[in-house]
Amino acid sequence: MQSLFLKRQEDRRIRAGHLWVFSNEVDVARSPLNGFAPGEPAILHDWRGTPLGTVYVNPHSLIAARVVSRRAGEALDAALLRSRLERALALRERLFSAPYYRLCHGEGDFLPGLVVDRYGDHLAVQITTAGMEAQKDALVEVLDSLLHPASILLRNTVASRTLEDLPLEQVCALGEAPATLTVPENGAQFTVPYLDGQKTGWFYDQRRNHAEAATHAAGQDVLDIFCYAGGFGVTAATQGATSVTFMDASRTALDAAMRNAAANAPNCPATAIEGDALKTLAELRDSGRRFGLICLDPPAFIKRRKDAAQGLAAYRKANALALGLLADGGVLVTCSCSHHLGLDALHACMAQAASRRHLHGEILYTGAQGPDHPIHFAMPETSYLKCIIARFFE
């Protein structure tokens, strides 16, 4: 293996457990980045020459290297993949009674660049880095021998692949992937689009938050904003909601939500509203509509740090519009999957909107991503999902 050297004093974060090496931290005089092929393994050294572990390198990426082992010379290969995936599987099998979960959560499971979602006999895989891409064939073989799935779908369409100079593609690497999947969650059954769905088909990270929100649903008219396949709204319907209204810009998502509502809570009236959420929320407010439970789960408005100001404005507007539709004594569930928006900032979005409407609020629950999306102890970047449930009074 080649050696990758860090600049003076740039080893502290790595020694603390972080897995990323940024290009401006590399001593390119001693180890020119253009001397490495994308995905090539290397031994990482501090500026004194002390080995820190093994990385894979991508000279084309801002994150120039990712640590795969604290042992110098232990490269990412089939054996290491199997060891880490067996450890990840043991955790999920302890947490869940059925094989429906995120099996691998990238850096959280010490496998940078890899996400694997398990849907019973089907696996959805996302590879986001050149180093993991180089092990694609080995990964498929390991997953096949470990779990014997009916299919392995490589859902490599996530935009972050372009940051690693990787193509966007979707390929079934094993078996035949179905067009739709049925996912059990919190006592409901969700049929979701798989081949052309969002992300890998379902959002397991919200499992606990879906259940907690639904505890406030009985006897309430529920509004599920950015609903996708109805995770919040359908769960609420199964827990005694009077009605549920789904809102999304995607007709495919709305159709899935309506089907899931009918299948799981046929006696709960359901309505779908297609359109831009912020515009449609304003129209609903002006029409005088009010809801006892509102669930607001937008996409990441802040994908990069430079988008923080614009994204924060969007979160503020969405929360203000949602509060404008909330009945007196109603409950607002607000979420953010933007790493760059902290929990305190999300709370401030709610608090500012409540203050402008002269509302008294009380926080009932604060949640995060589920345990099958583990947070790396030294990487705050792996903590991204926030959920606040609060009740408001005039």
Protein backbone atom coordinates (compact mmCIF):
# COMPACT_ATOMS: atom_id res chain seq x y z
CA MET A 1 0.00 0.00 0.00
CA GLN A 2 0.97 3.58 -0.57
CA SER A 3 1.16 5.98 2.36
CA LEU A 4 -1.05 9.03 2.89
CA PHE A 5 0.42 11.67 5.18
CA LEU A 6 -1.47 14.29 7.13
CA LYS A 7 -0.24 17.83 7.65
CA ARG A 8 1.11 18.90 11.02
CA GLN A 9 -1.57 18.88 13.77
CA GLU A 10 -4.24 17.46 11.45
CA ASP A 11 -4.34 14.11 13.22
CA ARG A 12 -6.34 15.12 16.30
CA ARG A 13 -9.79 14.51 14.84
CA ILE A 14 -8.73 11.13 13.41
CA ARG A 15 -7.20 10.07 16.72
CA ALA A 16 -10.50 11.01 18.40
CA GLY A 17 -12.27 8.49 16.17
CA HIS A 18 -13.46 10.49 13.16
CA LEU A 19 -13.33 8.58 9.87
CA TRP A 20 -12.96 11.35 7.29
CA VAL A 21 -9.80 12.96 5.94
CA PHE A 22 -10.40 16.17 3.98
CA SER A 23 -8.23 17.05 1.02
CA ASN A 24 -6.84 20.20 2.69
CA GLU A 25 -5.57 18.06 5.59
CA VAL A 26 -3.34 15.94 3.38
CA ASP A 27 0.38 16.72 3.05
CA VAL A 28 0.37 16.64 -0.74
CA ALA A 29 4.10 17.37 -0.88
CA ARG A 30 4.81 13.99 0.72
CA SER A 31 1.80 12.12 -0.69
CA PRO A 32 0.34 13.81 -3.78
CA LEU A 33 -3.34 12.96 -4.09
CA ASN A 34 -3.05 12.61 -7.86
CA GLY A 35 -0.78 9.66 -7.20
CA PHE A 36 -3.75 7.60 -5.96
CA ALA A 37 -6.42 5.89 -8.01
CA PRO A 38 -10.05 6.38 -6.89
CA GLY A 39 -10.82 3.82 -4.19
CA GLU A 40 -7.20 2.82 -3.67
CA PRO A 41 -6.29 1.59 -0.15
CA ALA A 42 -3.50 3.37 1.72
CA ILE A 43 -1.88 3.52 5.14
CA LEU A 44 -2.68 6.79 6.89
CA HIS A 45 0.16 8.49 8.80
CA ASP A 46 0.34 11.58 10.94
CA TRP A 47 2.89 14.30 10.12
CA ARG A 48 5.52 12.50 12.19
CA GLY A 49 5.05 9.30 10.18
CA THR A 50 3.14 7.37 12.88
CA PRO A 51 0.57 5.00 11.32
CA LEU A 52 -3.04 5.83 12.22
CA GLY A 53 -4.81 3.08 10.29
CA THR A 54 -5.96 2.15 6.82
CA VAL A 55 -8.04 4.31 4.50
CA TYR A 56 -9.34 4.26 0.99
CA VAL A 57 -8.59 7.33 -1.10
CA ASN A 58 -10.40 9.34 -3.73
CA PRO A 59 -8.28 12.17 -5.17
CA HIS A 60 -11.36 13.71 -6.83
CA SER A 61 -13.39 14.20 -3.64
CA LEU A 62 -13.38 16.86 -0.93
CA ILE A 63 -13.34 13.94 1.52
CA ALA A 64 -10.07 12.60 0.20
CA ALA A 65 -9.89 9.49 2.38
CA ARG A 66 -12.08 7.47 4.74
CA VAL A 67 -10.77 5.29 7.54
CA VAL A 68 -11.77 1.63 7.24
CA SER A 69 -9.55 0.21 9.99
CA ARG A 70 -7.48 1.44 12.92
CA ARG A 71 -4.96 -1.23 11.98
CA ALA A 72 -2.32 -0.20 9.47
CA GLY A 73 -2.47 -2.46 6.44
CA GLU A 74 -5.97 -3.91 7.06
CA ALA A 75 -7.70 -2.94 3.83
CA LEU A 76 -11.38 -3.10 3.03
CA ASP A 77 -11.99 -6.50 1.46
CA ALA A 78 -14.49 -9.36 1.59
CA ALA A 79 -13.31 -10.54 5.00
CA LEU A 80 -13.63 -7.10 6.59
CA LEU A 81 -17.01 -6.54 4.95
CA ARG A 82 -18.28 -9.83 6.33
CA SER A 83 -17.00 -9.09 9.84
CA ARG A 84 -18.59 -5.64 9.97
CA LEU A 85 -21.88 -6.80 8.43
CA GLU A 86 -22.11 -9.74 10.84
CA ARG A 87 -21.70 -7.29 13.71
CA ALA A 88 -24.34 -4.99 12.25
CA LEU A 89 -26.71 -7.91 11.71
CA ALA A 90 -26.32 -9.07 15.32
CA LEU A 91 -27.47 -5.65 16.55
CA ARG A 92 -30.53 -5.58 14.27
CA GLU A 93 -31.55 -9.10 15.21
CA ARG A 94 -31.43 -8.04 18.85
CA LEU A 95 -33.55 -4.96 18.14
CA PHE A 96 -36.17 -6.34 15.75
CA SER A 97 -38.20 -9.54 15.57
CA ALA A 98 -38.63 -9.39 11.77
CA PRO A 99 -36.05 -8.71 9.02
CA TYR A 100 -37.21 -5.18 8.15
CA TYR A 101 -34.62 -2.58 9.07
CA ARG A 102 -31.54 -0.70 7.95
CA LEU A 103 -28.86 -3.35 8.09
CA CYS A 104 -25.90 -1.03 7.48
CA HIS A 105 -25.75 2.70 8.14
CA GLY A 106 -22.44 3.74 6.63
CA GLU A 107 -20.01 5.29 9.09
CA GLY A 108 -22.36 4.42 11.97
CA ASP A 109 -21.53 0.76 11.31
CA PHE A 110 -17.87 1.50 10.43
CA LEU A 111 -18.51 0.86 6.74
CA PRO A 112 -18.10 4.29 5.13
CA GLY A 113 -19.98 4.71 1.88
CA LEU A 114 -22.42 1.82 2.36
CA VAL A 115 -26.13 1.75 3.14
CA VAL A 116 -28.11 -1.50 3.12
CA ASP A 117 -31.84 -1.64 3.82
CA ARG A 118 -33.43 -5.04 4.38
CA TYR A 119 -36.98 -5.71 3.27
CA GLY A 120 -37.50 -9.34 4.22
CA ASP A 121 -35.98 -11.32 1.34
CA HIS A 122 -34.92 -8.22 -0.60
CA LEU A 123 -31.92 -5.95 -0.05
CA ALA A 124 -31.55 -2.39 -1.29
CA VAL A 125 -27.93 -1.23 -1.41
CA GLN A 126 -26.54 2.27 -1.86
CA ILE A 127 -22.83 2.75 -2.50
CA THR A 128 -21.71 6.36 -2.29
CA THR A 129 -17.90 6.26 -2.42
CA ALA A 130 -15.23 5.09 -4.82
CA GLY A 131 -13.62 2.92 -2.14
CA MET A 132 -16.82 0.99 -1.52
CA GLU A 133 -17.56 0.88 -5.25
CA ALA A 134 -14.26 -0.95 -5.73
CA GLN A 135 -15.59 -3.69 -3.42
CA LYS A 136 -19.02 -3.93 -5.08
CA ASP A 137 -18.63 -7.50 -6.35
CA ALA A 138 -17.24 -8.70 -3.01
CA LEU A 139 -20.08 -6.94 -1.20
CA VAL A 140 -22.75 -8.70 -3.27
CA GLU A 141 -21.10 -12.07 -2.60
CA VAL A 142 -20.89 -11.40 1.14
CA LEU A 143 -24.53 -10.28 1.38
CA ASP A 144 -25.63 -13.32 -0.63
CA SER A 145 -23.73 -15.78 1.57
CA LEU A 146 -24.75 -14.04 4.80
CA LEU A 147 -28.49 -13.55 4.18
CA HIS A 148 -29.41 -15.59 1.06
CA PRO A 149 -31.73 -12.84 -0.25
CA ALA A 150 -34.10 -13.25 -3.18
CA SER A 151 -32.72 -10.05 -4.71
CA ILE A 152 -30.05 -7.41 -4.22
CA LEU A 153 -30.87 -4.08 -5.84
CA LEU A 154 -28.05 -1.55 -6.20
CA ARG A 155 -29.94 1.74 -5.82
CA ASN A 156 -26.93 3.86 -6.77
CA THR A 157 -28.95 6.89 -7.81
CA VAL A 158 -28.19 9.12 -4.82
CA ALA A 159 -26.77 12.50 -5.87
CA SER A 160 -23.81 12.29 -3.48
CA ARG A 161 -22.21 9.75 -5.84
CA THR A 162 -21.43 12.60 -8.20
CA LEU A 163 -19.18 14.11 -5.50
CA GLU A 164 -17.05 10.97 -5.83
CA ASP A 165 -17.11 11.09 -9.64
CA LEU A 166 -19.30 7.98 -9.74
CA PRO A 167 -22.14 7.37 -12.22
CA LEU A 168 -25.79 7.28 -11.19
CA GLU A 169 -27.28 3.86 -11.93
CA GLN A 170 -29.73 1.26 -10.71
CA VAL A 171 -28.85 -2.38 -11.24
CA CYS A 172 -30.26 -5.61 -9.87
CA ALA A 173 -27.10 -7.49 -8.90
CA LEU A 174 -28.88 -10.64 -7.78
CA GLY A 175 -32.29 -12.15 -8.51
CA GLU A 176 -35.22 -10.03 -9.62
CA ALA A 177 -36.30 -7.01 -7.62
CA PRO A 178 -40.07 -6.45 -7.30
CA ALA A 179 -41.74 -3.21 -8.40
CA THR A 180 -43.33 -2.78 -4.96
CA LEU A 181 -42.64 -3.99 -1.45
CA THR A 182 -44.80 -4.49 1.63
CA VAL A 183 -43.14 -3.22 4.80
CA PRO A 184 -44.56 -3.95 8.27
CA GLU A 185 -44.20 -1.15 10.77
CA ASN A 186 -45.91 -0.41 14.09
CA GLY A 187 -48.66 -2.90 13.37
CA ALA A 188 -49.46 -1.54 9.90
CA GLN A 189 -48.51 -2.86 6.45
CA PHE A 190 -47.13 -0.32 3.99
CA THR A 191 -46.93 -1.13 0.28
CA VAL A 192 -44.32 1.15 -1.25
CA PRO A 193 -42.78 1.69 -4.69
CA TYR A 194 -39.40 0.00 -4.78
CA LEU A 195 -37.85 0.32 -8.23
CA ASP A 196 -38.91 3.95 -8.60
CA GLY A 197 -39.52 4.96 -4.98
CA GLN A 198 -37.72 7.54 -2.88
CA LYS A 199 -34.31 6.70 -1.40
CA THR A 200 -34.34 2.90 -1.00
CA GLY A 201 -38.13 2.60 -0.81
CA TRP A 202 -38.94 3.27 2.84
CA PHE A 203 -37.72 5.49 5.70
CA TYR A 204 -36.98 3.17 8.61
CA ASP A 205 -35.38 6.02 10.55
CA GLN A 206 -38.82 7.45 11.46
CA ARG A 207 -40.24 4.20 12.88
CA ARG A 208 -40.30 5.30 16.53
CA ASN A 209 -41.44 8.82 15.68
CA HIS A 210 -44.35 7.49 13.61
CA ALA A 211 -45.52 5.49 16.63
CA GLU A 212 -45.11 8.37 19.09
CA ALA A 213 -47.00 10.82 16.90
CA ALA A 214 -49.88 8.37 16.55
CA THR A 215 -50.47 8.39 20.30
CA HIS A 216 -52.06 11.82 19.79
CA ALA A 217 -54.27 10.79 16.86
CA ALA A 218 -57.45 9.42 18.46
CA GLY A 219 -60.47 11.57 17.60
CA GLN A 220 -58.41 14.06 15.58
CA ASP A 221 -58.36 15.25 11.99
CA VAL A 222 -54.79 14.57 10.88
CA LEU A 223 -52.69 16.34 8.25
CA ASP A 224 -49.60 14.49 6.96
CA ILE A 225 -47.39 16.99 5.08
CA PHE A 226 -44.67 15.63 2.75
CA CYS A 227 -46.38 12.31 3.38
CA TYR A 228 -44.55 10.00 0.91
CA ALA A 229 -46.31 6.62 1.41
CA GLY A 230 -48.14 7.75 4.54
CA GLY A 231 -45.87 6.78 7.42
CA PHE A 232 -47.25 9.35 9.85
CA GLY A 233 -50.81 9.60 8.51
CA VAL A 234 -51.54 5.90 8.11
CA THR A 235 -50.13 5.08 11.54
CA ALA A 236 -52.34 7.83 12.97
CA ALA A 237 -55.36 6.40 11.12
CA THR A 238 -54.79 2.99 12.72
CA GLN A 239 -54.84 4.64 16.14
CA GLY A 240 -58.29 6.18 15.86
CA ALA A 241 -57.89 9.36 13.81
CA THR A 242 -61.21 10.85 12.68
CA SER A 243 -59.77 11.61 9.24
CA VAL A 244 -56.40 11.92 7.54
CA THR A 245 -55.29 14.28 4.79
CA PHE A 246 -52.14 13.46 2.84
CA MET A 247 -50.12 16.20 1.15
CA ASP A 248 -47.23 15.68 -1.27
CA ALA A 249 -45.93 16.97 -4.59
CA SER A 250 -45.65 13.40 -5.90
CA ARG A 251 -48.74 11.72 -7.31
CA THR A 252 -47.02 8.35 -6.94
CA ALA A 253 -46.45 8.99 -3.24
CA LEU A 254 -50.04 10.13 -2.70
CA ASP A 255 -51.44 7.09 -4.47
CA ALA A 256 -49.33 4.85 -2.23
CA ALA A 257 -50.47 6.72 0.89
CA MET A 258 -54.13 6.43 -0.06
CA ARG A 259 -53.79 2.70 -0.78
CA ASN A 260 -52.05 2.17 2.53
CA ALA A 261 -54.72 4.10 4.39
CA ALA A 262 -57.49 2.05 2.78
CA ALA A 263 -55.72 -1.22 3.54
CA ASN A 264 -54.90 -0.44 7.17
CA ALA A 265 -57.76 1.81 8.31
CA PRO A 266 -60.68 1.41 5.89
CA ASN A 267 -63.10 3.22 8.20
CA CYS A 268 -60.97 6.36 8.44
CA PRO A 269 -61.80 8.87 5.67
CA ALA A 270 -58.68 9.83 3.70
CA THR A 271 -58.00 12.68 1.28
CA ALA A 272 -55.01 13.44 -0.94
CA ILE A 273 -53.79 16.93 -1.87
CA GLU A 274 -51.19 17.15 -4.62
CA GLY A 275 -49.01 20.21 -4.95
CA ASP A 276 -46.19 22.31 -3.55
CA ALA A 277 -46.53 22.01 0.21
CA LEU A 278 -45.76 25.60 1.17
CA LYS A 279 -48.22 26.99 -1.37
CA THR A 280 -50.92 24.44 -0.54
CA LEU A 281 -50.57 25.00 3.21
CA ALA A 282 -51.23 28.70 2.72
CA GLU A 283 -54.34 27.92 0.66
CA LEU A 284 -55.63 25.54 3.36
CA ARG A 285 -55.02 28.15 6.04
CA ASP A 286 -56.89 30.80 4.09
CA SER A 287 -59.82 28.41 3.63
CA GLY A 288 -60.19 28.08 7.39
CA ARG A 289 -59.19 24.41 7.70
CA ARG A 290 -57.94 23.24 11.10
CA PHE A 291 -56.40 19.93 12.23
CA GLY A 292 -55.89 18.39 15.65
CA LEU A 293 -52.66 16.62 14.65
CA ILE A 294 -50.26 17.89 12.00
CA CYS A 295 -47.13 15.97 10.95
CA LEU A 296 -44.50 17.95 9.08
CA ASP A 297 -41.67 15.82 7.66
CA PRO A 298 -40.01 17.76 4.83
CA PRO A 299 -37.03 16.69 2.74
CA ALA A 300 -33.66 18.12 3.73
CA PHE A 301 -33.96 21.85 3.08
CA ILE A 302 -30.26 22.21 3.98
CA LYS A 303 -28.12 19.73 2.06
CA ARG A 304 -24.89 21.73 2.31
CA ARG A 305 -23.63 24.22 4.86
CA LYS A 306 -23.71 27.03 2.32
CA ASP A 307 -27.48 26.49 1.94
CA ALA A 308 -28.08 27.02 5.67
CA ALA A 309 -29.66 30.49 5.52
CA GLN A 310 -32.05 29.66 2.69
CA GLY A 311 -32.93 26.29 4.23
CA LEU A 312 -33.55 27.79 7.67
CA ALA A 313 -35.99 30.24 6.10
CA ALA A 314 -37.86 27.31 4.53
CA TYR A 315 -38.10 25.48 7.86
CA ARG A 316 -39.39 28.63 9.54
CA LYS A 317 -42.02 29.17 6.85
CA ALA A 318 -43.18 25.55 6.89
CA ASN A 319 -43.57 25.52 10.67
CA ALA A 320 -45.38 28.87 10.67
CA LEU A 321 -47.82 27.65 8.01
CA ALA A 322 -48.41 24.39 9.85
CA LEU A 323 -49.14 26.20 13.11
CA GLY A 324 -51.62 28.35 11.23
CA LEU A 325 -53.62 25.19 10.50
CA LEU A 326 -53.49 23.75 14.01
CA ALA A 327 -56.64 23.68 16.13
CA ASP A 328 -56.51 25.07 19.66
CA GLY A 329 -54.91 22.40 21.83
CA GLY A 330 -53.66 20.56 18.76
CA VAL A 331 -50.36 18.73 18.37
CA LEU A 332 -47.65 19.58 15.83
CA VAL A 333 -45.01 17.01 14.89
CA THR A 334 -42.10 18.71 13.17
CA CYS A 335 -39.05 16.94 11.74
CA SER A 336 -35.79 17.74 10.02
CA CYS A 337 -33.40 15.34 8.31
CA SER A 338 -30.85 18.12 7.68
CA HIS A 339 -27.64 17.52 9.62
CA HIS A 340 -26.88 21.24 9.35
CA LEU A 341 -30.07 22.14 11.24
CA GLY A 342 -29.59 21.27 14.89
CA LEU A 343 -32.30 20.37 17.37
CA ASP A 344 -32.11 23.80 19.00
CA ALA A 345 -32.60 25.49 15.63
CA LEU A 346 -35.62 23.31 14.85
CA HIS A 347 -37.08 24.13 18.26
CA ALA A 348 -36.50 27.82 17.53
CA CYS A 349 -38.47 27.51 14.27
CA MET A 350 -41.47 26.25 16.24
CA ALA A 351 -41.01 28.74 19.06
CA GLN A 352 -40.81 31.75 16.74
CA ALA A 353 -43.91 30.68 14.84
CA ALA A 354 -45.80 30.14 18.12
CA SER A 355 -44.70 33.50 19.46
CA ARG A 356 -45.99 35.33 16.41
CA ARG A 357 -49.38 33.66 16.87
CA HIS A 358 -49.36 34.30 20.63
CA LEU A 359 -49.58 30.57 21.35
CA HIS A 360 -48.57 28.72 24.49
CA GLY A 361 -46.62 25.56 23.64
CA GLU A 362 -45.40 22.51 25.50
CA ILE A 363 -42.93 19.97 24.19
CA LEU A 364 -44.19 16.41 24.68
CA TYR A 365 -41.47 14.40 22.94
CA THR A 366 -38.09 14.78 21.30
CA GLY A 367 -36.93 12.01 18.98
CA ALA A 368 -34.15 11.12 16.59
CA GLN A 369 -33.28 8.44 14.06
CA GLY A 370 -33.96 4.84 15.05
CA PRO A 371 -31.29 2.53 16.51
CA ASP A 372 -30.83 0.77 13.17
CA HIS A 373 -29.33 4.12 12.07
CA PRO A 374 -26.54 4.22 14.70
CA ILE A 375 -24.69 7.47 15.34
CA HIS A 376 -20.91 7.19 15.29
CA PHE A 377 -19.62 8.40 18.64
CA ALA A 378 -16.97 10.67 17.08
CA MET A 379 -18.92 11.81 14.01
CA PRO A 380 -21.73 14.32 14.59
CA GLU A 381 -22.31 14.15 10.83
CA THR A 382 -23.99 10.76 11.33
CA SER A 383 -26.65 12.35 13.56
CA TYR A 384 -29.17 13.98 11.26
CA LEU A 385 -32.83 13.29 12.14
CA LYS A 386 -34.71 15.44 14.67
CA CYS A 387 -38.35 15.15 15.68
CA ILE A 388 -40.21 17.43 18.11
CA ILE A 389 -43.81 16.84 19.16
CA ALA A 390 -45.51 19.78 20.88
CA ARG A 391 -49.01 20.87 21.89
CA PHE A 392 -50.18 24.46 21.43
CA PHE A 393 -52.92 26.56 23.03
CA GLU A 394 -54.29 30.00 22.33
